[in-house]
PDB file of N, CA and C in Angstrom:
ATOM      1  N   MET A   1     171.502  60.972  62.397  1.00  0.00           N
ATOM      2  CA  MET A   1     169.996  61.418  61.351  1.00  0.00           C
ATOM      3  C   MET A   1     170.011  63.058  62.527  1.00  0.00           C
ATOM      4  N   VAL A   2     169.929  63.963  61.840  1.00  0.00           N
ATOM      5  CA  VAL A   2     169.575  65.163  62.625  1.00  0.00           C
ATOM      6  C   VAL A   2     168.321  65.897  62.284  1.00  0.00           C
ATOM      7  N   GLU A   3     167.578  65.551  63.595  1.00  0.00           N
ATOM      8  CA  GLU A   3     166.291  66.082  63.622  1.00  0.00           C
ATOM      9  C   GLU A   3     165.663  67.388  63.094  1.00  0.00           C
ATOM     10  N   ASP A   4     164.567  67.669  62.476  1.00  0.00           N
ATOM     11  CA  ASP A   4     164.462  69.042  62.525  1.00  0.00           C
ATOM     12  C   ASP A   4     164.161  69.775  63.496  1.00  0.00           C
ATOM     13  N   THR A   5     164.553  71.011  63.809  1.00  0.00           N
ATOM     14  CA  THR A   5     164.099  71.913  64.722  1.00  0.00           C
ATOM     15  C   THR A   5     163.504  73.378  64.194  1.00  0.00           C
ATOM     16  N   TYR A   6     162.812  74.247  65.062  1.00  0.00           N
ATOM     17  CA  TYR A   6     162.560  75.632  64.973  1.00  0.00           C
ATOM     18  C   TYR A   6     162.186  76.464  65.745  1.00  0.00           C
ATOM     19  N   PRO A   7     162.533  77.334  65.978  1.00  0.00           N
ATOM     20  CA  PRO A   7     162.865  78.143  67.199  1.00  0.00           C
ATOM     21  C   PRO A   7     161.653  78.301  68.417  1.00  0.00           C
ATOM     22  N   TYR A   8     161.725  78.454  69.438  1.00  0.00           N
ATOM     23  CA  TYR A   8     160.737  78.463  70.651  1.00  0.00           C
ATOM     24  C   TYR A   8     159.839  79.701  69.835  1.00  0.00           C
ATOM     25  N   ARG A   9     160.468  80.978  69.496  1.00  0.00           N
ATOM     26  CA  ARG A   9     160.136  82.095  69.077  1.00  0.00           C
ATOM     27  C   ARG A   9     159.243  82.101  68.017  1.00  0.00           C
ATOM     28  N   GLU A  10     158.796  81.121  66.721  1.00  0.00           N
ATOM     29  CA  GLU A  10     157.985  80.720  66.292  1.00  0.00           C
ATOM     30  C   GLU A  10     156.228  80.443  66.720  1.00  0.00           C
ATOM     31  N   LEU A  11     156.748  79.562  67.582  1.00  0.00           N
ATOM     32  CA  LEU A  11     156.260  78.930  68.487  1.00  0.00           C
ATOM     33  C   LEU A  11     154.719  79.936  69.139  1.00  0.00           C
ATOM     34  N   LEU A  12     155.568  80.921  69.933  1.00  0.00           N
ATOM     35  CA  LEU A  12     155.395  82.094  70.705  1.00  0.00           C
ATOM     36  C   LEU A  12     155.067  83.307  69.444  1.00  0.00           C
ATOM     37  N   GLN A  13     154.942  83.307  68.320  1.00  0.00           N
ATOM     38  CA  GLN A  13     154.240  83.800  67.334  1.00  0.00           C
ATOM     39  C   GLN A  13     152.868  83.600  66.693  1.00  0.00           C
ATOM     40  N   ARG A  14     152.604  82.616  67.008  1.00  0.00           N
ATOM     41  CA  ARG A  14     151.337  81.858  66.732  1.00  0.00           C
ATOM     42  C   ARG A  14     150.261  82.138  68.007  1.00  0.00           C
ATOM     43  N   VAL A  15     150.627  82.073  69.346  1.00  0.00           N
ATOM     44  CA  VAL A  15     150.318  81.773  70.540  1.00  0.00           C
ATOM     45  C   VAL A  15     150.035  82.823  71.565  1.00  0.00           C
ATOM     46  N   ILE A  16     151.138  84.048  70.972  1.00  0.00           N
ATOM     47  CA  ILE A  16     150.631  85.141  72.200  1.00  0.00           C
ATOM     48  C   ILE A  16     150.695  86.904  71.579  1.00  0.00           C
ATOM     49  N   SER A  17     150.424  87.261  72.175  1.00  0.00           N
ATOM     50  CA  SER A  17     150.333  88.899  71.430  1.00  0.00           C
ATOM     51  C   SER A  17     151.626  89.098  70.971  1.00  0.00           C
ATOM     52  N   PRO A  18     151.206  90.375  70.141  1.00  0.00           N
ATOM     53  CA  PRO A  18     153.290  90.663  69.743  1.00  0.00           C
ATOM     54  C   PRO A  18     153.548  91.592  70.742  1.00  0.00           C
ATOM     55  N   VAL A  19     153.233  92.301  71.326  1.00  0.00           N
ATOM     56  CA  VAL A  19     153.601  92.606  72.803  1.00  0.00           C
ATOM     57  C   VAL A  19     153.930  91.903  73.383  1.00  0.00           C
ATOM     58  N   ALA A  20     153.422  90.408  73.982  1.00  0.00           N
ATOM     59  CA  ALA A  20     153.881  89.669  75.176  1.00  0.00           C
ATOM     60  C   ALA A  20     155.246  89.458  74.402  1.00  0.00           C
ATOM     61  N   LEU A  21     155.204  88.951  73.294  1.00  0.00           N
ATOM     62  CA  LEU A  21     156.490  88.676  72.402  1.00  0.00           C
ATOM     63  C   LEU A  21     157.761  89.926  72.833  1.00  0.00           C
ATOM     64  N   SER A  22     156.932  91.059  72.786  1.00  0.00           N
ATOM     65  CA  SER A  22     158.463  91.602  72.616  1.00  0.00           C
ATOM     66  C   SER A  22     159.009  91.785  74.014  1.00  0.00           C
ATOM     67  N   ILE A  23     158.001  91.677  74.647  1.00  0.00           N
ATOM     68  CA  ILE A  23     158.187  92.287  76.150  1.00  0.00           C
ATOM     69  C   ILE A  23     159.610  90.453  76.396  1.00  0.00           C
ATOM     70  N   LEU A  24     159.518  89.726  76.159  1.00  0.00           N
ATOM     71  CA  LEU A  24     159.389  88.351  76.480  1.00  0.00           C
ATOM     72  C   LEU A  24     161.121  88.999  75.624  1.00  0.00           C
ATOM     73  N   GLU A  25     161.388  89.608  74.810  1.00  0.00           N
ATOM     74  CA  GLU A  25     162.753  89.365  73.566  1.00  0.00           C
ATOM     75  C   GLU A  25     163.449  90.686  75.023  1.00  0.00           C
ATOM     76  N   ARG A  26     162.833  91.274  75.107  1.00  0.00           N
ATOM     77  CA  ARG A  26     163.430  92.768  75.748  1.00  0.00           C
ATOM     78  C   ARG A  26     163.286  91.874  77.404  1.00  0.00           C
ATOM     79  N   MET A  27     163.294  91.114  77.721  1.00  0.00           N
ATOM     80  CA  MET A  27     163.335  90.521  78.921  1.00  0.00           C
ATOM     81  C   MET A  27     164.310  89.466  79.447  1.00  0.00           C
ATOM     82  N   THR A  28     164.477  89.425  78.276  1.00  0.00           N
ATOM     83  CA  THR A  28     165.330  87.582  77.656  1.00  0.00           C
ATOM     84  C   THR A  28     166.673  87.582  78.770  1.00  0.00           C
ATOM     85  N   PRO A  29     167.401  88.392  78.561  1.00  0.00           N
ATOM     86  CA  PRO A  29     168.850  88.536  79.466  1.00  0.00           C
ATOM     87  C   PRO A  29     168.335  88.322  81.388  1.00  0.00           C
ATOM     88  N   VAL A  30     167.571  88.932  81.444  1.00  0.00           N
ATOM     89  CA  VAL A  30     166.701  88.595  82.846  1.00  0.00           C
ATOM     90  C   VAL A  30     166.213  87.433  82.770  1.00  0.00           C
ATOM     91  N   ILE A  31     165.308  86.906  82.521  1.00  0.00           N
ATOM     92  CA  ILE A  31     164.854  85.877  82.355  1.00  0.00           C
ATOM     93  C   ILE A  31     165.984  84.930  82.601  1.00  0.00           C
ATOM     94  N   SER A  32     166.437  84.826  81.549  1.00  0.00           N
ATOM     95  CA  SER A  32     167.537  83.895  81.759  1.00  0.00           C
ATOM     96  C   SER A  32     168.434  83.353  83.076  1.00  0.00           C
ATOM     97  N   SER A  33     168.436  84.593  83.399  1.00  0.00           N
ATOM     98  CA  SER A  33     169.125  84.528  84.649  1.00  0.00           C
ATOM     99  C   SER A  33     168.661  84.428  85.778  1.00  0.00           C
ATOM    100  N   ILE A  34     167.330  84.565  85.376  1.00  0.00           N
ATOM    101  CA  ILE A  34     166.175  84.125  86.934  1.00  0.00           C
ATOM    102  C   ILE A  34     166.448  82.808  86.798  1.00  0.00           C
ATOM    103  N   TYR A  35     165.977  81.818  85.714  1.00  0.00           N
ATOM    104  CA  TYR A  35     165.485  80.762  84.859  1.00  0.00           C
ATOM    105  C   TYR A  35     166.721  80.109  84.803  1.00  0.00           C
ATOM    106  N   ASP A  36     167.790  80.190  84.900  1.00  0.00           N
ATOM    107  CA  ASP A  36     169.047  79.517  84.475  1.00  0.00           C
ATOM    108  C   ASP A  36     168.785  78.916  83.273  1.00  0.00           C
ATOM    109  N   LEU A  37     168.682  80.068  82.198  1.00  0.00           N
ATOM    110  CA  LEU A  37     168.349  78.950  80.608  1.00  0.00           C
ATOM    111  C   LEU A  37     169.276  79.287  79.750  1.00  0.00           C
ATOM    112  N   ASP A  38     169.762  78.575  79.095  1.00  0.00           N
ATOM    113  CA  ASP A  38     170.870  79.066  77.753  1.00  0.00           C
ATOM    114  C   ASP A  38     170.400  79.565  77.248  1.00  0.00           C
ATOM    115  N   GLU A  39     169.116  79.083  76.169  1.00  0.00           N
ATOM    116  CA  GLU A  39     167.941  79.868  75.509  1.00  0.00           C
ATOM    117  C   GLU A  39     166.482  80.321  75.952  1.00  0.00           C
ATOM    118  N   LEU A  40     165.787  81.196  75.461  1.00  0.00           N
ATOM    119  CA  LEU A  40     164.529  81.305  76.114  1.00  0.00           C
ATOM    120  C   LEU A  40     163.976  81.358  74.214  1.00  0.00           C
ATOM    121  N   LEU A  41     164.327  82.745  73.667  1.00  0.00           N
ATOM    122  CA  LEU A  41     163.015  82.520  72.230  1.00  0.00           C
ATOM    123  C   LEU A  41     163.710  81.919  71.319  1.00  0.00           C
ATOM    124  N   ASP A  42     165.228  81.315  70.982  1.00  0.00           N
ATOM    125  CA  ASP A  42     165.766  80.902  70.456  1.00  0.00           C
ATOM    126  C   ASP A  42     166.241  78.999  70.868  1.00  0.00           C
ATOM    127  N   ALA A  43     165.508  79.019  71.534  1.00  0.00           N
ATOM    128  CA  ALA A  43     165.489  77.100  71.746  1.00  0.00           C
ATOM    129  C   ALA A  43     165.111  76.700  71.289  1.00  0.00           C
ATOM    130  N   ARG A  44     165.720  75.122  70.283  1.00  0.00           N
ATOM    131  CA  ARG A  44     165.041  74.908  69.084  1.00  0.00           C
ATOM    132  C   ARG A  44     163.954  73.570  69.575  1.00  0.00           C
ATOM    133  N   LEU A  45     163.254  73.768  69.097  1.00  0.00           N
ATOM    134  CA  LEU A  45     161.948  72.479  69.526  1.00  0.00           C
ATOM    135  C   LEU A  45     162.163  71.580  68.157  1.00  0.00           C
ATOM    136  N   PRO A  46     161.551  70.157  68.515  1.00  0.00           N
ATOM    137  CA  PRO A  46     161.641  69.123  67.219  1.00  0.00           C
ATOM    138  C   PRO A  46     160.323  69.647  66.167  1.00  0.00           C
ATOM    139  N   VAL A  47     160.273  69.876  65.157  1.00  0.00           N
ATOM    140  CA  VAL A  47     159.658  70.591  64.391  1.00  0.00           C
ATOM    141  C   VAL A  47     158.429  69.197  64.308  1.00  0.00           C
ATOM    142  N   THR A  48     158.388  67.736  64.537  1.00  0.00           N
ATOM    143  CA  THR A  48     157.410  66.917  64.695  1.00  0.00           C
ATOM    144  C   THR A  48     156.415  67.004  66.024  1.00  0.00           C
ATOM    145  N   GLU A  49     156.692  67.872  66.262  1.00  0.00           N
ATOM    146  CA  GLU A  49     155.959  68.035  67.976  1.00  0.00           C
ATOM    147  C   GLU A  49     155.223  69.447  67.965  1.00  0.00           C
ATOM    148  N   GLN A  50     155.424  69.952  66.656  1.00  0.00           N
ATOM    149  CA  GLN A  50     155.013  71.813  66.625  1.00  0.00           C
ATOM    150  C   GLN A  50     153.654  72.290  67.230  1.00  0.00           C
ATOM    151  N   ALA A  51     152.766  71.115  66.184  1.00  0.00           N
ATOM    152  CA  ALA A  51     151.300  71.170  66.515  1.00  0.00           C
ATOM    153  C   ALA A  51     151.056  70.997  67.531  1.00  0.00           C
ATOM    154  N   ILE A  52     151.630  69.593  69.162  1.00  0.00           N
ATOM    155  CA  ILE A  52     151.062  69.331  69.737  1.00  0.00           C
ATOM    156  C   ILE A  52     151.530  70.307  70.996  1.00  0.00           C
ATOM    157  N   HIS A  53     152.722  71.262  70.487  1.00  0.00           N
ATOM    158  CA  HIS A  53     153.145  72.141  71.341  1.00  0.00           C
ATOM    159  C   HIS A  53     152.095  72.981  71.367  1.00  0.00           C
ATOM    160  N   GLU A  54     151.723  73.695  70.089  1.00  0.00           N
ATOM    161  CA  GLU A  54     150.873  75.008  69.965  1.00  0.00           C
ATOM    162  C   GLU A  54     149.546  74.556  70.768  1.00  0.00           C
ATOM    163  N   GLU A  55     148.760  73.533  70.204  1.00  0.00           N
ATOM    164  CA  GLU A  55     147.719  72.976  70.880  1.00  0.00           C
ATOM    165  C   GLU A  55     147.665  72.914  72.569  1.00  0.00           C
ATOM    166  N   GLN A  56     148.799  72.189  73.383  1.00  0.00           N
ATOM    167  CA  GLN A  56     148.965  72.340  74.705  1.00  0.00           C
ATOM    168  C   GLN A  56     149.039  73.918  75.039  1.00  0.00           C
ATOM    169  N   PHE A  57     150.218  74.657  74.313  1.00  0.00           N
ATOM    170  CA  PHE A  57     150.292  75.603  74.743  1.00  0.00           C
ATOM    171  C   PHE A  57     148.930  76.757  74.744  1.00  0.00           C
ATOM    172  N   THR A  58     148.291  76.924  73.671  1.00  0.00           N
ATOM    173  CA  THR A  58     146.853  77.628  73.656  1.00  0.00           C
ATOM    174  C   THR A  58     145.708  76.967  74.603  1.00  0.00           C
ATOM    175  N   GLU A  59     145.672  75.579  75.384  1.00  0.00           N
ATOM    176  CA  GLU A  59     144.809  75.160  76.071  1.00  0.00           C
ATOM    177  C   GLU A  59     145.067  75.537  77.390  1.00  0.00           C
ATOM    178  N   ARG A  60     146.244  75.790  77.632  1.00  0.00           N
ATOM    179  CA  ARG A  60     146.944  76.371  79.372  1.00  0.00           C
ATOM    180  C   ARG A  60     146.882  77.311  78.999  1.00  0.00           C
ATOM    181  N   LEU A  61     147.057  78.313  78.900  1.00  0.00           N
ATOM    182  CA  LEU A  61     146.665  79.808  78.645  1.00  0.00           C
ATOM    183  C   LEU A  61     145.381  80.108  78.468  1.00  0.00           C
ATOM    184  N   ALA A  62     144.597  79.297  77.703  1.00  0.00           N
ATOM    185  CA  ALA A  62     143.310  79.744  77.886  1.00  0.00           C
ATOM    186  C   ALA A  62     142.499  79.510  79.353  1.00  0.00           C
ATOM    187  N   ARG A  63     143.309  78.000  79.794  1.00  0.00           N
ATOM    188  CA  ARG A  63     142.759  77.790  80.995  1.00  0.00           C
ATOM    189  C   ARG A  63     142.655  79.049  82.454  1.00  0.00           C
ATOM    190  N   ILE A  64     144.097  79.649  82.313  1.00  0.00           N
ATOM    191  CA  ILE A  64     144.677  80.461  83.029  1.00  0.00           C
ATOM    192  C   ILE A  64     143.587  81.498  82.803  1.00  0.00           C
ATOM    193  N   VAL A  65     143.709  82.054  81.492  1.00  0.00           N
ATOM    194  CA  VAL A  65     143.292  83.700  81.253  1.00  0.00           C
ATOM    195  C   VAL A  65     141.513  83.684  81.800  1.00  0.00           C
ATOM    196  N   ARG A  66     141.146  82.757  81.605  1.00  0.00           N
ATOM    197  CA  ARG A  66     139.444  82.164  81.592  1.00  0.00           C
ATOM    198  C   ARG A  66     139.186  82.363  83.419  1.00  0.00           C
ATOM    199  N   LEU A  67     140.023  82.636  84.233  1.00  0.00           N
ATOM    200  CA  LEU A  67     139.960  82.798  85.631  1.00  0.00           C
ATOM    201  C   LEU A  67     140.585  83.936  86.107  1.00  0.00           C
ATOM    202  N   LEU A  68     141.008  85.084  85.098  1.00  0.00           N
ATOM    203  CA  LEU A  68     141.197  86.395  85.204  1.00  0.00           C
ATOM    204  C   LEU A  68     139.605  87.110  85.145  1.00  0.00           C
ATOM    205  N   PRO A  69     139.449  88.144  86.507  1.00  0.00           N
ATOM    206  CA  PRO A  69     138.198  88.612  86.527  1.00  0.00           C
ATOM    207  C   PRO A  69     138.750  89.859  85.091  1.00  0.00           C
ATOM    208  N   PRO A  70     137.141  90.488  84.963  1.00  0.00           N
ATOM    209  CA  PRO A  70     137.176  91.472  83.608  1.00  0.00           C
ATOM    210  C   PRO A  70     137.879  92.536  84.157  1.00  0.00           C
ATOM    211  N   GLY A  71     138.636  93.247  82.818  1.00  0.00           N
ATOM    212  CA  GLY A  71     138.951  94.205  82.854  1.00  0.00           C
ATOM    213  C   GLY A  71     140.867  94.053  83.427  1.00  0.00           C
ATOM    214  N   ILE A  72     141.032  92.710  83.198  1.00  0.00           N
ATOM    215  CA  ILE A  72     143.044  92.558  83.745  1.00  0.00           C
ATOM    216  C   ILE A  72     143.336  91.876  82.563  1.00  0.00           C
ATOM    217  N   SER A  73     144.454  92.522  82.122  1.00  0.00           N
ATOM    218  CA  SER A  73     145.034  92.166  81.381  1.00  0.00           C
ATOM    219  C   SER A  73     145.728  91.036  81.403  1.00  0.00           C
ATOM    220  N   PRO A  74     145.637  90.214  80.445  1.00  0.00           N
ATOM    221  CA  PRO A  74     146.078  88.898  80.096  1.00  0.00           C
ATOM    222  C   PRO A  74     147.684  88.634  79.802  1.00  0.00           C
ATOM    223  N   MET A  75     147.979  89.579  79.557  1.00  0.00           N
ATOM    224  CA  MET A  75     149.610  90.068  78.992  1.00  0.00           C
ATOM    225  C   MET A  75     150.441  89.099  80.093  1.00  0.00           C
ATOM    226  N   PRO A  76     150.171  89.177  81.228  1.00  0.00           N
ATOM    227  CA  PRO A  76     151.748  88.822  82.232  1.00  0.00           C
ATOM    228  C   PRO A  76     151.620  87.673  82.119  1.00  0.00           C
ATOM    229  N   ASN A  77     150.108  86.899  81.812  1.00  0.00           N
ATOM    230  CA  ASN A  77     150.001  85.668  82.241  1.00  0.00           C
ATOM    231  C   ASN A  77     150.707  84.835  80.658  1.00  0.00           C
ATOM    232  N   GLU A  78     150.594  85.919  79.539  1.00  0.00           N
ATOM    233  CA  GLU A  78     150.626  85.313  78.184  1.00  0.00           C
ATOM    234  C   GLU A  78     152.656  85.201  78.493  1.00  0.00           C
ATOM    235  N   VAL A  79     153.505  86.122  79.627  1.00  0.00           N
ATOM    236  CA  VAL A  79     154.414  85.918  79.584  1.00  0.00           C
ATOM    237  C   VAL A  79     154.980  85.004  79.972  1.00  0.00           C
ATOM    238  N   PHE A  80     154.503  84.852  81.204  1.00  0.00           N
ATOM    239  CA  PHE A  80     154.944  83.840  82.384  1.00  0.00           C
ATOM    240  C   PHE A  80     154.976  82.345  82.359  1.00  0.00           C
ATOM    241  N   THR A  81     153.566  81.838  81.340  1.00  0.00           N
ATOM    242  CA  THR A  81     152.844  81.489  80.376  1.00  0.00           C
ATOM    243  C   THR A  81     154.127  80.267  79.483  1.00  0.00           C
ATOM    244  N   ALA A  82     154.536  81.446  78.673  1.00  0.00           N
ATOM    245  CA  ALA A  82     155.563  80.831  78.113  1.00  0.00           C
ATOM    246  C   ALA A  82     156.986  80.585  78.621  1.00  0.00           C
ATOM    247  N   ILE A  83     157.389  81.331  79.582  1.00  0.00           N
ATOM    248  CA  ILE A  83     158.597  81.236  80.507  1.00  0.00           C
ATOM    249  C   ILE A  83     158.245  79.743  80.663  1.00  0.00           C
ATOM    250  N   GLU A  84     157.051  79.440  81.695  1.00  0.00           N
ATOM    251  CA  GLU A  84     157.053  78.545  82.059  1.00  0.00           C
ATOM    252  C   GLU A  84     156.875  77.073  81.381  1.00  0.00           C
ATOM    253  N   PHE A  85     155.707  77.372  80.167  1.00  0.00           N
ATOM    254  CA  PHE A  85     155.782  76.125  79.279  1.00  0.00           C
ATOM    255  C   PHE A  85     157.303  75.458  78.468  1.00  0.00           C
ATOM    256  N   LEU A  86     157.812  76.289  78.687  1.00  0.00           N
ATOM    257  CA  LEU A  86     159.555  76.182  78.155  1.00  0.00           C
ATOM    258  C   LEU A  86     160.021  75.231  79.120  1.00  0.00           C
ATOM    259  N   ILE A  87     159.854  75.628  80.093  1.00  0.00           N
ATOM    260  CA  ILE A  87     160.718  74.776  81.074  1.00  0.00           C
ATOM    261  C   ILE A  87     160.096  73.531  81.755  1.00  0.00           C
ATOM    262  N   TYR A  88     158.764  73.465  81.625  1.00  0.00           N
ATOM    263  CA  TYR A  88     158.271  72.623  82.154  1.00  0.00           C
ATOM    264  C   TYR A  88     157.672  71.461  81.427  1.00  0.00           C
ATOM    265  N   GLN A  89     157.325  72.097  80.364  1.00  0.00           N
ATOM    266  CA  GLN A  89     156.385  71.491  79.186  1.00  0.00           C
ATOM    267  C   GLN A  89     157.508  70.646  78.434  1.00  0.00           C
ATOM    268  N   ILE A  90     158.138  71.879  78.260  1.00  0.00           N
ATOM    269  CA  ILE A  90     159.315  71.517  76.770  1.00  0.00           C
ATOM    270  C   ILE A  90     160.740  70.811  77.373  1.00  0.00           C
ATOM    271  N   ARG A  91     161.041  71.541  78.061  1.00  0.00           N
ATOM    272  CA  ARG A  91     162.643  70.868  79.029  1.00  0.00           C
ATOM    273  C   ARG A  91     162.048  69.772  80.054  1.00  0.00           C
ATOM    274  N   GLY A  92     160.919  69.339  80.454  1.00  0.00           N
ATOM    275  CA  GLY A  92     160.437  68.635  81.607  1.00  0.00           C
ATOM    276  C   GLY A  92     161.186  68.244  82.423  1.00  0.00           C
ATOM    277  N   GLU A  93     161.442  69.968  83.108  1.00  0.00           N
ATOM    278  CA  GLU A  93     161.944  69.903  84.561  1.00  0.00           C
ATOM    279  C   GLU A  93     160.312  69.812  85.503  1.00  0.00           C
ATOM    280  N   PRO A  94     160.996  69.093  86.645  1.00  0.00           N
ATOM    281  CA  PRO A  94     159.768  69.089  87.245  1.00  0.00           C
ATOM    282  C   PRO A  94     159.453  69.792  88.332  1.00  0.00           C
ATOM    283  N   ILE A  95     158.618  70.472  88.723  1.00  0.00           N
ATOM    284  CA  ILE A  95     157.552  71.341  89.099  1.00  0.00           C
ATOM    285  C   ILE A  95     158.056  71.938  90.656  1.00  0.00           C
ATOM    286  N   ARG A  96     158.771  72.809  90.824  1.00  0.00           N
ATOM    287  CA  ARG A  96     159.458  73.274  92.604  1.00  0.00           C
ATOM    288  C   ARG A  96     158.457  74.158  93.051  1.00  0.00           C
ATOM    289  N   LEU A  97     157.402  73.907  93.213  1.00  0.00           N
ATOM    290  CA  LEU A  97     156.794  75.079  93.758  1.00  0.00           C
ATOM    291  C   LEU A  97     156.968  76.196  94.282  1.00  0.00           C
ATOM    292  N   GLY A  98     158.035  76.321  95.516  1.00  0.00           N
ATOM    293  CA  GLY A  98     158.742  77.133  96.563  1.00  0.00           C
ATOM    294  C   GLY A  98     159.885  77.751  95.065  1.00  0.00           C
ATOM    295  N   LEU A  99     160.538  77.343  94.375  1.00  0.00           N
ATOM    296  CA  LEU A  99     161.181  77.437  93.533  1.00  0.00           C
ATOM    297  C   LEU A  99     160.525  78.615  92.210  1.00  0.00           C
ATOM    298  N   ALA A 100     159.345  77.868  91.553  1.00  0.00           N
ATOM    299  CA  ALA A 100     158.492  78.636  90.955  1.00  0.00           C
ATOM    300  C   ALA A 100     157.979  79.895  91.351  1.00  0.00           C
ATOM    301  N   ILE A 101     157.637  79.853  93.029  1.00  0.00           N
ATOM    302  CA  ILE A 101     156.892  80.844  93.196  1.00  0.00           C
ATOM    303  C   ILE A 101     158.043  82.082  93.686  1.00  0.00           C
ATOM    304  N   ALA A 102     159.112  81.961  93.904  1.00  0.00           N
ATOM    305  CA  ALA A 102     160.246  83.046  93.797  1.00  0.00           C
ATOM    306  C   ALA A 102     160.911  83.393  92.524  1.00  0.00           C
ATOM    307  N   ARG A 103     160.994  82.390  91.570  1.00  0.00           N
ATOM    308  CA  ARG A 103     161.177  83.159  90.248  1.00  0.00           C
ATOM    309  C   ARG A 103     160.435  83.738  89.820  1.00  0.00           C
ATOM    310  N   LEU A 104     159.256  83.272  89.983  1.00  0.00           N
ATOM    311  CA  LEU A 104     157.871  84.726  89.603  1.00  0.00           C
ATOM    312  C   LEU A 104     157.525  85.674  90.329  1.00  0.00           C
ATOM    313  N   GLU A 105     157.928  85.946  91.669  1.00  0.00           N
ATOM    314  CA  GLU A 105     158.466  87.319  92.511  1.00  0.00           C
ATOM    315  C   GLU A 105     159.662  87.719  91.857  1.00  0.00           C
ATOM    316  N   GLU A 106     160.799  87.453  91.532  1.00  0.00           N
ATOM    317  CA  GLU A 106     162.083  87.890  91.229  1.00  0.00           C
ATOM    318  C   GLU A 106     161.523  88.931  89.911  1.00  0.00           C
ATOM    319  N   LEU A 107     160.826  87.652  88.920  1.00  0.00           N
ATOM    320  CA  LEU A 107     160.552  88.735  88.219  1.00  0.00           C
ATOM    321  C   LEU A 107     159.692  89.541  87.493  1.00  0.00           C
ATOM    322  N   SER A 108     159.161  89.912  88.762  1.00  0.00           N
ATOM    323  CA  SER A 108     157.903  90.687  89.409  1.00  0.00           C
ATOM    324  C   SER A 108     158.390  91.740  89.859  1.00  0.00           C
ATOM    325  N   TYR A 109     159.734  91.741  90.505  1.00  0.00           N
ATOM    326  CA  TYR A 109     160.422  92.585  90.752  1.00  0.00           C
ATOM    327  C   TYR A 109     161.040  93.401  89.924  1.00  0.00           C
ATOM    328  N   GLU A 110     161.175  92.751  88.678  1.00  0.00           N
ATOM    329  CA  GLU A 110     162.325  93.262  87.900  1.00  0.00           C
ATOM    330  C   GLU A 110     160.972  94.268  86.783  1.00  0.00           C
ATOM    331  N   ILE A 111     160.264  93.967  86.424  1.00  0.00           N
ATOM    332  CA  ILE A 111     159.085  93.826  86.098  1.00  0.00           C
ATOM    333  C   ILE A 111     158.923  95.497  86.394  1.00  0.00           C
ATOM    334  N   LYS A 112     158.410  95.348  87.831  1.00  0.00           N
ATOM    335  CA  LYS A 112     158.205  96.941  88.430  1.00  0.00           C
ATOM    336  C   LYS A 112     158.949  97.869  88.487  1.00  0.00           C
ATOM    337  N   ALA A 113     160.228  97.556  88.534  1.00  0.00           N
ATOM    338  CA  ALA A 113     161.415  98.600  88.479  1.00  0.00           C
ATOM    339  C   ALA A 113     161.730  99.262  87.222  1.00  0.00           C
ATOM    340  N   ASP A 114     161.289  98.686  85.836  1.00  0.00           N
ATOM    341  CA  ASP A 114     160.733  99.321  84.829  1.00  0.00           C
ATOM    342  C   ASP A 114     159.841 100.312  84.438  1.00  0.00           C
ATOM    343  N   PRO A 115     159.755 101.701  84.738  1.00  0.00           N
ATOM    344  CA  PRO A 115     158.045 102.040  84.715  1.00  0.00           C
ATOM    345  C   PRO A 115     157.158 101.635  83.362  1.00  0.00           C
ATOM    346  N   THR A 116     158.315 101.740  82.380  1.00  0.00           N
ATOM    347  CA  THR A 116     157.402 101.631  81.142  1.00  0.00           C
ATOM    348  C   THR A 116     157.096  99.827  80.870  1.00  0.00           C
ATOM    349  N   LEU A 117     158.048  99.311  81.124  1.00  0.00           N
ATOM    350  CA  LEU A 117     157.722  97.207  80.811  1.00  0.00           C
ATOM    351  C   LEU A 117     156.379  97.438  81.850  1.00  0.00           C
ATOM    352  N   HIS A 118     156.588  97.800  83.290  1.00  0.00           N
ATOM    353  CA  HIS A 118     155.262  97.504  84.161  1.00  0.00           C
ATOM    354  C   HIS A 118     153.836  97.726  83.539  1.00  0.00           C
ATOM    355  N   GLN A 119     154.137  98.993  82.979  1.00  0.00           N
ATOM    356  CA  GLN A 119     152.819  99.993  81.813  1.00  0.00           C
ATOM    357  C   GLN A 119     152.587  98.849  80.804  1.00  0.00           C
ATOM    358  N   LEU A 120     153.952  98.181  80.229  1.00  0.00           N
ATOM    359  CA  LEU A 120     153.063  97.641  78.905  1.00  0.00           C
ATOM    360  C   LEU A 120     152.497  96.318  79.352  1.00  0.00           C
ATOM    361  N   VAL A 121     153.104  95.398  80.740  1.00  0.00           N
ATOM    362  CA  VAL A 121     152.551  94.332  80.815  1.00  0.00           C
ATOM    363  C   VAL A 121     151.949  93.926  81.590  1.00  0.00           C
ATOM    364  N   THR A 122     151.375  95.499  82.342  1.00  0.00           N
ATOM    365  CA  THR A 122     149.817  95.572  83.457  1.00  0.00           C
ATOM    366  C   THR A 122     148.833  96.015  81.998  1.00  0.00           C
ATOM    367  N   GLY A 123     148.930  96.152  80.707  1.00  0.00           N
ATOM    368  CA  GLY A 123     148.166  96.641  79.870  1.00  0.00           C
ATOM    369  C   GLY A 123     148.230  98.211  80.172  1.00  0.00           C
ATOM    370  N   ARG A 124     148.652  98.835  80.681  1.00  0.00           N
ATOM    371  CA  ARG A 124     148.334 100.305  80.939  1.00  0.00           C
ATOM    372  C   ARG A 124     148.879 101.369  79.654  1.00  0.00           C
ATOM    373  N   ALA A 125     149.780 100.865  78.713  1.00  0.00           N
ATOM    374  CA  ALA A 125     150.259 101.931  78.308  1.00  0.00           C
ATOM    375  C   ALA A 125     149.844 102.506  77.015  1.00  0.00           C
ATOM    376  N   ASN A 126     150.194 103.673  77.007  1.00  0.00           N
ATOM    377  CA  ASN A 126     149.393 103.781  75.704  1.00  0.00           C
ATOM    378  C   ASN A 126     150.003 103.599  74.620  1.00  0.00           C
TER     379      ASN A 126
END
């Protein structure tokens, strides 16, 4: 029996901003390398868990964004949450704090190395 699936991109289209999704699309090769992912946006998820994934993702992102000071763009958190949700929630990898921090630092260096991308992520693009 083959289980019905849907691409992770479909979930993200419903729970993050279009700009955050375009950043993920643009950075997929870099993200895949840093996080050792075979697939990111095209990862297949079970349709039977679609509603629970949407609820869990939305709740997680809301908790994070609530902690942001006024005037701080939630965009980086949308991007990072999308990556981490796939790794830790969907794939079930254990959280290794040192590795998680190192990956975030490497990703932030990649973002800062591209001025246009950095402006998009920080919400400063025109």
